[in-house]
Amino acid sequence: MSNDDLPEGIRAPEDDELFAEVVEMLGANRVTVRCADGEERTARIPGRMRKRDWIREGDLVLVSPWDWQDEKADIEHRYENREAEQLREGGHVTGNV
């Protein structure tokens, strides 16, 4: 997906990134996410996001699955509610993600 497909100002997924929805907060900076490829993964919230971007259940995020352990991922970006709505209305993100 290119930046031309998305509304202006909204970050597009890069090569290995996927859209995902936060399903459950696990504690210790970990969450369970449901990814666009249908997999559920345990994702970790990096230190640069812990205090700056509060992540809650139901949030739309970008994750980068680990190469060596596919059931785990890192959260790369959290979309604001307005951005998530624009992505869903534009058909970029399906209802189950």
C-alpha atoms as a PDB file:
ATOM      1  CA  MET A   1       0.000   0.000   0.000  1.00  0.00           C
ATOM      2  CA  SER A   2       1.333   3.400  -0.899  1.00  0.00           C
ATOM      3  CA  ASN A   3       0.831   6.709   0.822  1.00  0.00           C
ATOM      4  CA  ASP A   4      -1.257   7.795  -2.207  1.00  0.00           C
ATOM      5  CA  ASP A   5      -3.979   5.286  -1.241  1.00  0.00           C
ATOM      6  CA  LEU A   6      -4.435   6.690   2.270  1.00  0.00           C
ATOM      7  CA  PRO A   7      -5.954   9.998   3.388  1.00  0.00           C
ATOM      8  CA  GLU A   8      -3.377  12.769   3.700  1.00  0.00           C
ATOM      9  CA  GLY A   9      -1.302  12.761   6.873  1.00  0.00           C
ATOM     10  CA  ILE A  10      -2.003   9.147   7.827  1.00  0.00           C
ATOM     11  CA  ARG A  11       0.995   6.829   8.114  1.00  0.00           C
ATOM     12  CA  ALA A  12       0.979   3.866   5.728  1.00  0.00           C
ATOM     13  CA  PRO A  13       2.378   0.435   6.613  1.00  0.00           C
ATOM     14  CA  GLU A  14       5.905  -0.136   5.379  1.00  0.00           C
ATOM     15  CA  ASP A  15       7.277  -3.401   3.937  1.00  0.00           C
ATOM     16  CA  ASP A  16       6.772  -5.804   6.842  1.00  0.00           C
ATOM     17  CA  GLU A  17       4.193  -3.864   8.896  1.00  0.00           C
ATOM     18  CA  LEU A  18       0.557  -4.888   9.368  1.00  0.00           C
ATOM     19  CA  PHE A  19      -2.575  -3.185  10.637  1.00  0.00           C
ATOM     20  CA  ALA A  20      -3.730  -4.704  13.939  1.00  0.00           C
ATOM     21  CA  GLU A  21      -6.312  -4.118  16.654  1.00  0.00           C
ATOM     22  CA  VAL A  22      -5.451  -4.366  20.346  1.00  0.00           C
ATOM     23  CA  VAL A  23      -7.520  -7.211  21.798  1.00  0.00           C
ATOM     24  CA  GLU A  24      -6.209  -7.503  25.361  1.00  0.00           C
ATOM     25  CA  MET A  25      -3.833  -5.717  27.702  1.00  0.00           C
ATOM     26  CA  LEU A  26      -1.441  -8.262  29.242  1.00  0.00           C
ATOM     27  CA  GLY A  27       0.668  -6.016  31.471  1.00  0.00           C
ATOM     28  CA  ALA A  28       4.440  -5.596  31.527  1.00  0.00           C
ATOM     29  CA  ASN A  29       4.217  -3.516  28.307  1.00  0.00           C
ATOM     30  CA  ARG A  30       2.676  -6.380  26.367  1.00  0.00           C
ATOM     31  CA  VAL A  31      -0.650  -6.629  24.517  1.00  0.00           C
ATOM     32  CA  THR A  32      -2.466  -9.189  22.393  1.00  0.00           C
ATOM     33  CA  VAL A  33      -3.271  -7.928  18.888  1.00  0.00           C
ATOM     34  CA  ARG A  34      -5.383  -9.319  16.035  1.00  0.00           C
ATOM     35  CA  CYS A  35      -3.472  -8.653  12.818  1.00  0.00           C
ATOM     36  CA  ALA A  36      -4.786  -8.052   9.294  1.00  0.00           C
ATOM     37  CA  ASP A  37      -3.403 -11.449   8.220  1.00  0.00           C
ATOM     38  CA  GLY A  38      -5.786 -13.179  10.652  1.00  0.00           C
ATOM     39  CA  GLU A  39      -3.164 -14.093  13.268  1.00  0.00           C
ATOM     40  CA  GLU A  40      -3.232 -13.138  16.936  1.00  0.00           C
ATOM     41  CA  ARG A  41       0.162 -12.094  18.238  1.00  0.00           C
ATOM     42  CA  THR A  42       1.688 -10.933  21.481  1.00  0.00           C
ATOM     43  CA  ALA A  43       3.079  -7.466  20.817  1.00  0.00           C
ATOM     44  CA  ARG A  44       5.329  -5.360  22.980  1.00  0.00           C
ATOM     45  CA  ILE A  45       5.065  -1.629  23.458  1.00  0.00           C
ATOM     46  CA  PRO A  46       8.505  -0.062  22.901  1.00  0.00           C
ATOM     47  CA  GLY A  47       9.954   2.343  25.441  1.00  0.00           C
ATOM     48  CA  ARG A  48       9.587   5.337  23.129  1.00  0.00           C
ATOM     49  CA  MET A  49       5.778   4.851  23.179  1.00  0.00           C
ATOM     50  CA  ARG A  50       5.109   3.869  26.808  1.00  0.00           C
ATOM     51  CA  LYS A  51       4.487   7.329  28.268  1.00  0.00           C
ATOM     52  CA  ARG A  52       3.836   9.271  25.057  1.00  0.00           C
ATOM     53  CA  ASP A  53       1.177   7.105  23.348  1.00  0.00           C
ATOM     54  CA  TRP A  54      -1.308   5.435  25.685  1.00  0.00           C
ATOM     55  CA  ILE A  55      -2.534   2.204  24.132  1.00  0.00           C
ATOM     56  CA  ARG A  56      -5.917   0.715  25.069  1.00  0.00           C
ATOM     57  CA  GLU A  57      -8.074  -2.223  23.986  1.00  0.00           C
ATOM     58  CA  GLY A  58      -9.728  -1.548  20.635  1.00  0.00           C
ATOM     59  CA  ASP A  59      -6.979   0.796  19.371  1.00  0.00           C
ATOM     60  CA  LEU A  60      -5.771   0.441  15.772  1.00  0.00           C
ATOM     61  CA  VAL A  61      -1.993   0.044  15.579  1.00  0.00           C
ATOM     62  CA  LEU A  62       0.764  -0.867  13.138  1.00  0.00           C
ATOM     63  CA  VAL A  63       2.808  -3.892  14.141  1.00  0.00           C
ATOM     64  CA  SER A  64       5.995  -5.408  12.805  1.00  0.00           C
ATOM     65  CA  PRO A  65       6.045  -9.223  13.263  1.00  0.00           C
ATOM     66  CA  TRP A  66       9.315 -10.720  14.404  1.00  0.00           C
ATOM     67  CA  ASP A  67      11.279 -12.602  11.725  1.00  0.00           C
ATOM     68  CA  TRP A  68      12.389 -15.380  14.055  1.00  0.00           C
ATOM     69  CA  GLN A  69       9.157 -15.812  16.067  1.00  0.00           C
ATOM     70  CA  ASP A  70       6.019 -15.126  14.020  1.00  0.00           C
ATOM     71  CA  GLU A  71       3.638 -15.217  17.002  1.00  0.00           C
ATOM     72  CA  LYS A  72       5.260 -12.056  18.442  1.00  0.00           C
ATOM     73  CA  ALA A  73       5.516  -8.489  17.171  1.00  0.00           C
ATOM     74  CA  ASP A  74       6.521  -4.926  18.029  1.00  0.00           C
ATOM     75  CA  ILE A  75       4.078  -2.025  17.950  1.00  0.00           C
ATOM     76  CA  GLU A  76       5.387   0.649  15.591  1.00  0.00           C
ATOM     77  CA  HIS A  77       2.568   3.243  15.582  1.00  0.00           C
ATOM     78  CA  ARG A  78      -0.825   3.928  17.188  1.00  0.00           C
ATOM     79  CA  TYR A  79      -3.538   5.625  15.140  1.00  0.00           C
ATOM     80  CA  GLU A  80      -5.695   8.334  16.717  1.00  0.00           C
ATOM     81  CA  ASN A  81      -9.451   7.584  16.776  1.00  0.00           C
ATOM     82  CA  ARG A  82     -10.095   9.986  13.886  1.00  0.00           C
ATOM     83  CA  GLU A  83      -7.402   8.343  11.748  1.00  0.00           C
ATOM     84  CA  ALA A  84      -8.687   4.848  12.549  1.00  0.00           C
ATOM     85  CA  GLU A  85     -12.216   5.860  11.494  1.00  0.00           C
ATOM     86  CA  GLN A  86     -10.921   7.275   8.198  1.00  0.00           C
ATOM     87  CA  LEU A  87      -9.022   4.029   7.510  1.00  0.00           C
ATOM     88  CA  ARG A  88     -12.092   1.902   8.266  1.00  0.00           C
ATOM     89  CA  GLU A  89     -14.458   4.092   6.223  1.00  0.00           C
ATOM     90  CA  GLY A  90     -12.014   4.091   3.290  1.00  0.00           C
ATOM     91  CA  GLY A  91     -11.863   0.285   3.294  1.00  0.00           C
ATOM     92  CA  HIS A  92      -8.152   0.140   4.131  1.00  0.00           C
ATOM     93  CA  VAL A  93      -8.876  -1.801   7.335  1.00  0.00           C
ATOM     94  CA  THR A  94     -11.560  -4.489   7.529  1.00  0.00           C
ATOM     95  CA  GLY A  95     -14.057  -4.735  10.366  1.00  0.00           C
ATOM     96  CA  ASN A  96     -12.394  -7.743  12.026  1.00  0.00           C
ATOM     97  CA  VAL A  97      -9.105  -5.909  12.516  1.00  0.00           C
END
